[in-house]
Amino acid sequence: MNLAFTKYHALGNDYIVINPKDLPAPLTTEQVKTICHRNFGVGSDGILLGPLPSTTAKCALKIYNPDGSIAEKSGNGLRIFSRYLWDIKFVGNEEFAIQTDGGLVRSTVFDGGAMVRVEMGKVSFDSEKIPVTGAKREVLNEKISVGGREFSFCAATIGNPHCVLPLTDISAKLAHEFGPLLETHSNFPRKTNVQFLKVLDRANIQIEIWERGAGYTLASGSSSSASAAVAHRLGLVDRDVTVHCPGGLIKIEIREGFDILMTGSVTRVSEGVISPEIFSVKVN
């Protein structure tokens, strides 16, 4: 049967939303890969499956990376999913909670659906929580070598793992070259998202993003949260930070205890149906 979907993007980071009521059977890894493929499928940076039942929140959300793996949390994905819930009138303009594999978040849709604010939870630099191999510690300004180059990095989690590399110069080329090597480095038992960070001033940072399970990405809410938190922990920025992603701007407020409030835009792209015929071709 045809599978209904709705597509959105958050600063160029695009997701397909599938409502479980329209899904005849659980999604397989191969189906996720095919749907997300930009030549053989609809094309996206992941799939958001929901609303799912939850005993602790308005609903739960399952987030699939384009390689079929599960993402614990995605800031852009949460903004998009919040907008979808608002579009289908599952929620209104009031704050509501969403359960993710990376913890409970609270979300508010405003400006007629164009903007979404998400309480992302607390950032931790604890090696056991991220996780990062070695003795229990805060992972700050440590050395890591990949591809013949040594970097200084900090690690953090906001429900999913991040490796942040403060640098004076960053580029998409740098992210493409070293991102995949860092993502799969043995320091990170569950792999990691990677951010190449440049501090512009006390209120602005710029990042290039290599996302675990997805690759080079134009914007990321969790990456923006982790990068801003790292920059603040290092004393380089204040509590209100504008993150300049390749796709646009995300606002981060760092509250007490590194509790993160993220605000950014969402754009509705399209809706349609996926033909089962696409699954007859195997996608690598």
Protein backbone atom coordinates (compact mmCIF):
# COMPACT_ATOMS: atom_id res chain seq x y z
CA MET A 1 0.00 0.00 0.00
CA ASN A 2 1.05 3.60 -0.51
CA LEU A 3 2.63 5.18 2.57
CA ALA A 4 1.65 8.75 3.46
CA PHE A 5 4.34 11.21 4.51
CA THR A 6 4.91 14.89 5.19
CA LYS A 7 8.26 16.56 4.57
CA TYR A 8 9.73 19.59 6.34
CA HIS A 9 13.12 21.23 6.61
CA ALA A 10 14.74 23.15 9.46
CA LEU A 11 17.39 25.39 7.89
CA GLY A 12 18.02 22.86 5.13
CA ASN A 13 18.12 19.84 7.47
CA ASP A 14 15.15 17.89 6.09
CA TYR A 15 13.05 15.15 7.63
CA ILE A 16 10.15 12.99 6.54
CA VAL A 17 7.40 12.57 9.12
CA ILE A 18 5.44 9.31 9.07
CA ASN A 19 2.42 8.84 11.30
CA PRO A 20 2.39 5.29 12.75
CA LYS A 21 -1.35 5.03 12.03
CA ASP A 22 -0.41 5.07 8.33
CA LEU A 23 2.27 2.40 8.70
CA PRO A 24 1.09 -1.18 7.97
CA ALA A 25 4.19 -2.77 9.56
CA PRO A 26 7.32 -1.59 11.42
CA LEU A 27 9.92 0.13 9.24
CA THR A 28 12.94 -2.00 8.38
CA THR A 29 16.48 -0.67 8.08
CA GLU A 30 16.39 -1.23 4.32
CA GLN A 31 13.12 0.68 3.99
CA VAL A 32 14.52 3.62 5.94
CA LYS A 33 17.62 3.70 3.73
CA THR A 34 15.48 3.62 0.58
CA ILE A 35 13.02 6.30 1.68
CA CYS A 36 15.84 8.65 2.72
CA HIS A 37 17.91 8.06 -0.42
CA ARG A 38 17.96 11.17 -2.62
CA ASN A 39 17.98 9.22 -5.89
CA PHE A 40 16.03 6.06 -5.15
CA GLY A 41 13.58 7.43 -2.57
CA VAL A 42 11.97 10.65 -1.37
CA GLY A 43 15.26 11.96 0.03
CA SER A 44 15.83 13.23 3.56
CA ASP A 45 18.23 13.46 6.48
CA GLY A 46 16.05 11.07 8.46
CA ILE A 47 12.58 9.85 9.34
CA LEU A 48 10.46 10.98 12.28
CA LEU A 49 7.96 8.32 13.36
CA GLY A 50 5.16 9.63 15.56
CA PRO A 51 3.06 10.43 17.43
CA LEU A 52 3.68 7.24 19.41
CA PRO A 53 2.02 6.51 22.78
CA SER A 54 3.74 7.74 25.94
CA THR A 55 2.89 7.58 29.64
CA THR A 56 5.12 10.54 30.53
CA ALA A 57 4.49 13.00 27.68
CA LYS A 58 1.92 14.13 25.14
CA CYS A 59 3.47 11.56 22.80
CA ALA A 60 6.71 9.78 21.96
CA LEU A 61 8.93 10.10 18.89
CA LYS A 62 11.24 7.61 17.17
CA ILE A 63 14.04 9.17 15.09
CA TYR A 64 15.71 7.23 12.27
CA ASN A 65 19.00 8.28 10.66
CA PRO A 66 19.26 7.78 6.89
CA ASP A 67 21.49 4.74 7.44
CA GLY A 68 18.66 3.07 9.36
CA SER A 69 20.17 3.57 12.82
CA ILE A 70 18.28 5.23 15.68
CA ALA A 71 19.09 8.76 16.85
CA GLU A 72 18.41 9.37 20.54
CA LYS A 73 17.62 13.03 19.99
CA SER A 74 17.59 15.63 17.21
CA GLY A 75 16.97 19.31 17.82
CA ASN A 76 15.93 20.03 14.25
CA GLY A 77 13.92 16.81 14.17
CA LEU A 78 12.10 17.86 17.34
CA ARG A 79 11.29 21.27 15.90
CA ILE A 80 9.97 19.64 12.73
CA PHE A 81 7.97 17.03 14.63
CA SER A 82 6.52 19.74 16.88
CA ARG A 83 5.41 21.68 13.81
CA TYR A 84 3.85 18.52 12.36
CA LEU A 85 1.87 17.94 15.57
CA TRP A 86 0.72 21.56 15.40
CA ASP A 87 -0.24 21.19 11.72
CA ILE A 88 -2.43 18.14 12.39
CA LYS A 89 -3.92 19.92 15.45
CA PHE A 90 -2.58 17.27 17.83
CA VAL A 91 -1.26 20.24 19.85
CA GLY A 92 -2.03 23.94 19.98
CA ASN A 93 0.05 26.95 20.99
CA GLU A 94 0.63 25.71 24.53
CA GLU A 95 3.85 24.03 25.67
CA PHE A 96 3.82 20.22 25.42
CA ALA A 97 6.19 17.34 26.16
CA ILE A 98 7.70 14.79 23.76
CA GLN A 99 9.39 11.58 24.85
CA THR A 100 12.55 10.67 22.92
CA ASP A 101 15.15 7.93 23.35
CA GLY A 102 17.42 10.72 24.62
CA GLY A 103 14.99 11.96 27.27
CA LEU A 104 11.92 14.15 27.71
CA VAL A 105 11.79 17.55 25.97
CA ARG A 106 9.26 20.38 26.05
CA SER A 107 8.26 22.26 22.94
CA THR A 108 6.27 25.33 21.92
CA VAL A 109 5.17 26.26 18.39
CA PHE A 110 4.62 29.96 17.64
CA ASP A 111 4.60 32.56 14.84
CA GLY A 112 1.92 30.60 12.99
CA GLY A 113 4.05 27.46 12.94
CA ALA A 114 7.13 29.17 11.50
CA MET A 115 9.16 29.04 14.73
CA VAL A 116 9.57 26.38 17.41
CA ARG A 117 11.20 26.59 20.83
CA VAL A 118 12.45 23.38 22.46
CA GLU A 119 13.73 22.81 25.99
CA MET A 120 16.44 20.36 24.97
CA GLY A 121 17.52 19.24 28.44
CA LYS A 122 20.90 19.48 30.16
CA VAL A 123 24.31 19.22 28.51
CA SER A 124 26.85 17.06 30.35
CA PHE A 125 30.60 16.79 29.75
CA ASP A 126 30.83 13.59 31.83
CA SER A 127 32.78 10.89 29.96
CA GLU A 128 30.58 8.09 31.31
CA LYS A 129 27.36 9.73 30.18
CA ILE A 130 28.53 10.70 26.67
CA PRO A 131 30.24 8.05 26.52
CA VAL A 132 34.00 8.49 25.95
CA THR A 133 36.54 5.79 26.78
CA GLY A 134 38.96 6.13 29.69
CA ALA A 135 38.69 7.25 33.31
CA LYS A 136 35.63 9.17 34.50
CA ARG A 137 36.17 12.89 33.82
CA GLU A 138 34.88 15.99 32.11
CA VAL A 139 36.11 15.72 28.53
CA LEU A 140 37.57 19.18 27.87
CA ASN A 141 40.52 20.22 25.70
CA GLU A 142 41.82 16.70 25.07
CA LYS A 143 43.95 15.65 22.10
CA ILE A 144 42.78 13.34 19.33
CA SER A 145 44.60 12.31 16.13
CA VAL A 146 42.88 11.30 12.88
CA GLY A 147 43.93 11.35 9.24
CA GLY A 148 47.43 12.56 10.07
CA ARG A 149 46.22 15.62 12.02
CA GLU A 150 45.93 16.30 15.74
CA PHE A 151 42.94 18.21 17.12
CA SER A 152 41.93 19.51 20.52
CA PHE A 153 38.39 18.41 21.33
CA CYS A 154 35.68 18.56 23.95
CA ALA A 155 32.92 15.99 24.28
CA ALA A 156 29.36 16.48 25.48
CA THR A 157 25.95 14.86 25.55
CA ILE A 158 22.47 16.31 25.41
CA GLY A 159 20.93 12.86 25.14
CA ASN A 160 23.18 12.04 22.18
CA PRO A 161 26.99 12.18 21.89
CA HIS A 162 28.97 15.11 20.48
CA CYS A 163 32.63 15.79 19.72
CA VAL A 164 33.31 19.54 19.45
CA LEU A 165 36.57 20.81 17.95
CA PRO A 166 37.30 24.53 18.57
CA LEU A 167 39.29 25.94 15.63
CA THR A 168 40.29 29.29 14.17
CA ASP A 169 39.23 28.26 10.65
CA ILE A 170 36.49 25.83 9.65
CA SER A 171 34.99 24.71 6.35
CA ALA A 172 32.70 22.15 4.76
CA LYS A 173 35.81 20.53 3.28
CA LEU A 174 37.25 20.06 6.78
CA ALA A 175 34.00 18.46 7.97
CA HIS A 176 33.90 16.09 4.99
CA GLU A 177 37.53 15.09 5.43
CA PHE A 178 37.72 14.53 9.17
CA GLY A 179 34.07 14.14 10.21
CA PRO A 180 33.72 10.46 9.25
CA LEU A 181 37.06 9.59 10.90
CA LEU A 182 36.04 11.26 14.15
CA GLU A 183 32.50 9.82 14.05
CA THR A 184 33.87 6.28 14.18
CA HIS A 185 36.96 6.91 16.35
CA SER A 186 37.58 4.29 19.05
CA ASN A 187 37.28 7.00 21.74
CA PHE A 188 33.52 6.97 21.15
CA PRO A 189 31.92 3.55 21.82
CA ARG A 190 28.55 4.64 20.40
CA LYS A 191 30.11 6.76 17.64
CA THR A 192 29.59 10.51 17.81
CA ASN A 193 28.25 13.61 16.12
CA VAL A 194 31.06 16.00 15.20
CA GLN A 195 31.09 19.81 15.23
CA PHE A 196 33.89 22.02 13.93
CA LEU A 197 33.51 25.21 15.99
CA LYS A 198 34.65 28.78 15.35
CA VAL A 199 33.88 31.44 17.96
CA LEU A 200 32.94 34.73 16.24
CA ASP A 201 32.37 36.84 19.38
CA ARG A 202 30.78 36.54 22.84
CA ALA A 203 27.32 36.03 21.32
CA ASN A 204 27.98 34.21 18.04
CA ILE A 205 29.57 30.95 16.98
CA GLN A 206 29.86 29.21 13.60
CA ILE A 207 29.80 25.43 13.14
CA GLU A 208 30.28 22.86 10.41
CA ILE A 209 28.52 19.58 11.19
CA TRP A 210 29.18 15.93 10.51
CA GLU A 211 26.20 14.01 11.88
CA ARG A 212 26.42 10.44 13.13
CA GLY A 213 24.57 8.16 10.73
CA ALA A 214 23.76 11.00 8.32
CA GLY A 215 26.98 12.71 7.23
CA TYR A 216 27.48 16.38 6.36
CA THR A 217 24.47 18.39 7.53
CA LEU A 218 23.40 21.98 6.91
CA ALA A 219 21.99 22.51 10.41
CA SER A 220 21.51 20.62 13.67
CA GLY A 221 19.73 21.64 16.85
CA SER A 222 21.53 19.20 19.12
CA SER A 223 24.89 20.10 17.54
CA SER A 224 24.12 23.78 18.06
CA SER A 225 23.21 23.08 21.69
CA ALA A 226 26.37 21.06 22.36
CA SER A 227 28.66 23.53 20.57
CA ALA A 228 27.24 26.55 22.39
CA ALA A 229 27.51 24.72 25.71
CA VAL A 230 31.13 23.78 25.05
CA ALA A 231 32.02 27.35 24.05
CA HIS A 232 30.35 28.64 27.24
CA ARG A 233 32.06 25.99 29.40
CA LEU A 234 35.42 27.14 27.97
CA GLY A 235 34.55 30.75 28.82
CA LEU A 236 34.44 31.87 25.18
CA VAL A 237 30.77 32.98 24.94
CA ASP A 238 27.99 34.25 27.18
CA ARG A 239 24.66 32.51 27.87
CA ASP A 240 22.74 33.76 24.82
CA VAL A 241 24.36 32.43 21.66
CA THR A 242 23.42 32.62 17.99
CA VAL A 243 24.74 29.57 16.15
CA HIS A 244 25.59 30.13 12.50
CA CYS A 245 25.02 26.84 10.65
CA PRO A 246 25.53 26.53 6.88
CA GLY A 247 21.72 26.51 6.51
CA GLY A 248 20.94 29.43 8.81
CA LEU A 249 20.70 30.60 12.41
CA ILE A 250 19.68 28.78 15.59
CA LYS A 251 19.26 30.62 18.90
CA ILE A 252 20.58 28.93 22.04
CA GLU A 253 19.98 30.07 25.61
CA ILE A 254 22.24 28.37 28.16
CA ARG A 255 20.47 28.36 31.51
CA GLU A 256 21.64 27.23 34.95
CA GLY A 257 23.20 23.78 34.99
CA PHE A 258 23.73 23.94 31.20
CA ASP A 259 20.01 23.50 30.59
CA ILE A 260 19.45 24.41 26.93
CA LEU A 261 16.62 26.34 25.29
CA MET A 262 16.79 26.15 21.49
CA THR A 263 14.75 28.28 19.04
CA GLY A 264 14.68 28.00 15.27
CA SER A 265 12.55 27.97 12.15
CA VAL A 266 10.67 25.16 10.41
CA THR A 267 9.43 25.11 6.82
CA ARG A 268 6.78 22.74 5.49
CA VAL A 269 7.95 21.33 2.16
CA SER A 270 5.43 18.80 0.84
CA GLU A 271 3.14 15.91 1.55
CA GLY A 272 2.45 12.83 -0.51
CA VAL A 273 2.53 9.06 -0.68
CA ILE A 274 5.43 6.66 -1.07
CA SER A 275 4.87 3.89 -3.62
CA PRO A 276 5.80 0.37 -2.40
CA GLU A 277 7.51 -0.07 -5.76
CA ILE A 278 10.60 1.80 -4.48
CA PHE A 279 11.36 -1.08 -2.12
CA SER A 280 11.83 -3.49 -5.01
CA VAL A 281 15.27 -1.95 -5.67
CA LYS A 282 17.97 -2.61 -3.08
CA VAL A 283 19.83 0.53 -1.99
CA ASN A 284 23.40 0.27 -0.66
